[in-house]
C-alpha atoms as a PDB file:
ATOM      1  CA  MET A   1      75.226 -85.080  42.353  1.00  0.00           C
ATOM      2  CA  THR A   2      77.682 -82.487  42.183  1.00  0.00           C
ATOM      3  CA  ASP A   3      75.489 -79.480  41.836  1.00  0.00           C
ATOM      4  CA  PHE A   4      73.788 -80.828  44.981  1.00  0.00           C
ATOM      5  CA  ASP A   5      77.431 -80.800  46.689  1.00  0.00           C
ATOM      6  CA  ASP A   6      78.248 -77.608  45.186  1.00  0.00           C
ATOM      7  CA  ARG A   7      75.229 -76.097  46.922  1.00  0.00           C
ATOM      8  CA  GLU A   8      75.669 -77.443  49.887  1.00  0.00           C
ATOM      9  CA  ARG A   9      79.289 -76.281  49.792  1.00  0.00           C
ATOM     10  CA  ALA A  10      77.671 -72.374  48.694  1.00  0.00           C
ATOM     11  CA  PHE A  11      74.557 -72.969  51.521  1.00  0.00           C
ATOM     12  CA  GLU A  12      77.711 -73.259  53.975  1.00  0.00           C
ATOM     13  CA  THR A  13      80.057 -70.625  53.074  1.00  0.00           C
ATOM     14  CA  LYS A  14      77.060 -68.384  53.377  1.00  0.00           C
ATOM     15  CA  PHE A  15      76.479 -69.601  56.900  1.00  0.00           C
ATOM     16  CA  ALA A  16      79.809 -69.325  57.390  1.00  0.00           C
ATOM     17  CA  ARG A  17      80.208 -66.146  56.290  1.00  0.00           C
ATOM     18  CA  ASP A  18      76.929 -64.466  58.239  1.00  0.00           C
ATOM     19  CA  ALA A  19      77.971 -65.295  61.271  1.00  0.00           C
ATOM     20  CA  GLU A  20      81.293 -64.750  60.907  1.00  0.00           C
ATOM     21  CA  MET A  21      79.530 -61.141  60.126  1.00  0.00           C
ATOM     22  CA  GLN A  22      76.803 -60.858  63.208  1.00  0.00           C
ATOM     23  CA  PHE A  23      79.689 -61.957  65.724  1.00  0.00           C
ATOM     24  CA  LYS A  24      81.531 -58.653  64.227  1.00  0.00           C
ATOM     25  CA  ILE A  25      78.543 -56.222  64.674  1.00  0.00           C
ATOM     26  CA  THR A  26      77.847 -57.568  67.988  1.00  0.00           C
ATOM     27  CA  ALA A  27      80.951 -57.226  69.751  1.00  0.00           C
ATOM     28  CA  ARG A  28      81.514 -54.033  67.427  1.00  0.00           C
ATOM     29  CA  ARG A  29      77.497 -52.799  68.919  1.00  0.00           C
ATOM     30  CA  ASN A  30      78.753 -53.941  72.888  1.00  0.00           C
ATOM     31  CA  ARG A  31      82.356 -52.204  72.358  1.00  0.00           C
ATOM     32  CA  LEU A  32      79.793 -48.571  71.442  1.00  0.00           C
ATOM     33  CA  VAL A  33      77.672 -48.997  74.179  1.00  0.00           C
ATOM     34  CA  GLY A  34      80.297 -49.569  76.813  1.00  0.00           C
ATOM     35  CA  GLU A  35      81.854 -46.277  75.374  1.00  0.00           C
ATOM     36  CA  TRP A  36      78.217 -44.585  75.575  1.00  0.00           C
ATOM     37  CA  ALA A  37      77.726 -45.606  79.554  1.00  0.00           C
ATOM     38  CA  ALA A  38      81.854 -44.796  80.072  1.00  0.00           C
ATOM     39  CA  GLU A  39      80.850 -41.670  78.590  1.00  0.00           C
ATOM     40  CA  LYS A  40      77.608 -41.723  81.513  1.00  0.00           C
ATOM     41  CA  MET A  41      79.625 -42.701  84.486  1.00  0.00           C
ATOM     42  CA  ASN A  42      82.258 -39.900  83.609  1.00  0.00           C
ATOM     43  CA  LEU A  43      85.045 -42.141  82.640  1.00  0.00           C
ATOM     44  CA  THR A  44      88.632 -40.890  81.852  1.00  0.00           C
ATOM     45  CA  ALA A  45      89.761 -42.134  78.302  1.00  0.00           C
ATOM     46  CA  GLU A  46      91.446 -44.619  79.161  1.00  0.00           C
ATOM     47  CA  GLU A  47      89.048 -46.229  81.707  1.00  0.00           C
ATOM     48  CA  THR A  48      86.526 -45.493  78.940  1.00  0.00           C
ATOM     49  CA  ASP A  49      89.031 -47.632  76.802  1.00  0.00           C
ATOM     50  CA  ALA A  50      88.422 -50.904  79.575  1.00  0.00           C
ATOM     51  CA  TYR A  51      85.408 -49.858  80.129  1.00  0.00           C
ATOM     52  CA  ALA A  52      84.729 -51.244  76.655  1.00  0.00           C
ATOM     53  CA  LYS A  53      86.778 -53.683  76.281  1.00  0.00           C
ATOM     54  CA  GLY A  54      85.012 -55.253  79.668  1.00  0.00           C
ATOM     55  CA  VAL A  55      81.501 -54.687  77.970  1.00  0.00           C
ATOM     56  CA  VAL A  56      82.762 -56.600  75.128  1.00  0.00           C
ATOM     57  CA  GLN A  57      84.402 -59.572  77.068  1.00  0.00           C
ATOM     58  CA  ALA A  58      80.716 -60.345  79.511  1.00  0.00           C
ATOM     59  CA  ASP A  59      79.268 -61.190  76.029  1.00  0.00           C
ATOM     60  CA  PHE A  60      80.626 -63.811  76.305  1.00  0.00           C
ATOM     61  CA  GLU A  61      79.334 -65.084  79.767  1.00  0.00           C
ATOM     62  CA  GLU A  62      76.157 -65.999  78.411  1.00  0.00           C
ATOM     63  CA  ALA A  63      74.243 -66.364  75.114  1.00  0.00           C
ATOM     64  CA  GLY A  64      72.433 -63.248  74.424  1.00  0.00           C
ATOM     65  CA  ASP A  65      72.251 -59.826  75.701  1.00  0.00           C
ATOM     66  CA  GLU A  66      71.283 -61.161  79.454  1.00  0.00           C
ATOM     67  CA  ASP A  67      74.987 -60.956  80.296  1.00  0.00           C
ATOM     68  CA  VAL A  68      75.467 -57.471  78.707  1.00  0.00           C
ATOM     69  CA  VAL A  69      72.320 -55.203  80.223  1.00  0.00           C
ATOM     70  CA  ARG A  70      73.106 -57.310  83.438  1.00  0.00           C
ATOM     71  CA  LYS A  71      76.591 -55.332  83.570  1.00  0.00           C
ATOM     72  CA  LEU A  72      75.458 -51.883  82.041  1.00  0.00           C
ATOM     73  CA  LEU A  73      72.972 -51.997  85.062  1.00  0.00           C
ATOM     74  CA  GLY A  74      75.118 -52.544  87.665  1.00  0.00           C
ATOM     75  CA  ASP A  75      78.068 -50.450  86.818  1.00  0.00           C
ATOM     76  CA  LEU A  76      75.461 -47.303  85.899  1.00  0.00           C
ATOM     77  CA  THR A  77      73.095 -47.825  88.798  1.00  0.00           C
ATOM     78  CA  SER A  78      76.470 -48.474  90.570  1.00  0.00           C
ATOM     79  CA  ALA A  79      77.550 -44.634  89.704  1.00  0.00           C
ATOM     80  CA  GLY A  80      74.770 -42.621  90.185  1.00  0.00           C
ATOM     81  CA  VAL A  81      73.037 -43.010  86.685  1.00  0.00           C
ATOM     82  CA  ASP A  82      69.374 -42.945  86.463  1.00  0.00           C
ATOM     83  CA  ILE A  83      68.882 -45.886  84.271  1.00  0.00           C
ATOM     84  CA  ASP A  84      66.651 -48.699  83.697  1.00  0.00           C
ATOM     85  CA  ASP A  85      66.761 -51.895  81.602  1.00  0.00           C
ATOM     86  CA  ALA A  86      64.634 -50.388  78.962  1.00  0.00           C
ATOM     87  CA  GLY A  87      67.022 -47.716  78.708  1.00  0.00           C
ATOM     88  CA  ILE A  88      69.999 -49.831  78.196  1.00  0.00           C
ATOM     89  CA  ARG A  89      67.714 -51.607  75.234  1.00  0.00           C
ATOM     90  CA  THR A  90      67.392 -49.025  73.568  1.00  0.00           C
ATOM     91  CA  ALA A  91      71.491 -47.773  73.698  1.00  0.00           C
ATOM     92  CA  LEU A  92      72.146 -51.549  72.649  1.00  0.00           C
ATOM     93  CA  ALA A  93      69.385 -51.410  69.791  1.00  0.00           C
ATOM     94  CA  ASP A  94      70.790 -47.531  68.964  1.00  0.00           C
ATOM     95  CA  LYS A  95      74.142 -49.035  68.920  1.00  0.00           C
ATOM     96  CA  MET A  96      73.533 -51.993  67.029  1.00  0.00           C
ATOM     97  CA  VAL A  97      72.703 -49.946  64.208  1.00  0.00           C
ATOM     98  CA  GLU A  98      75.852 -47.986  64.035  1.00  0.00           C
ATOM     99  CA  ALA A  99      77.418 -50.990  64.281  1.00  0.00           C
ATOM    100  CA  ARG A 100      75.776 -51.769  61.519  1.00  0.00           C
ATOM    101  CA  ARG A 101      76.621 -48.747  59.618  1.00  0.00           C
ATOM    102  CA  GLN A 102      79.826 -49.287  60.389  1.00  0.00           C
ATOM    103  CA  TYR A 103      80.552 -52.891  58.936  1.00  0.00           C
ATOM    104  CA  ILE A 104      79.367 -51.490  56.048  1.00  0.00           C
ATOM    105  CA  GLU A 105      80.978 -48.549  55.847  1.00  0.00           C
ATOM    106  CA  GLN A 106      83.965 -50.208  56.192  1.00  0.00           C
ATOM    107  CA  ALA A 107      83.965 -53.213  53.986  1.00  0.00           C
ATOM    108  CA  SER A 108      82.581 -50.543  51.037  1.00  0.00           C
END
């Protein structure tokens, strides 16, 4: 029974570690996409930092990416940036790749 318990604990530990890693990567992606959007809106460096933090916070409103997409689409449209839902989702996908790469580089 000890082998089974050890495997179960190892699985639970791996699951927790993977969930934490995914959370960090997603938060980094949201910061990167916030910086991307801020650039499109011609925000200052200070405004960019605050805006990127706001995008990270927006992701806590509901599960999934819809809250982030809604925030970005609303803010970019209000700022006069010509973008649609698909353009934002493409940026999210691109920034997810970049965030994952940065996380792996940091862990090395």
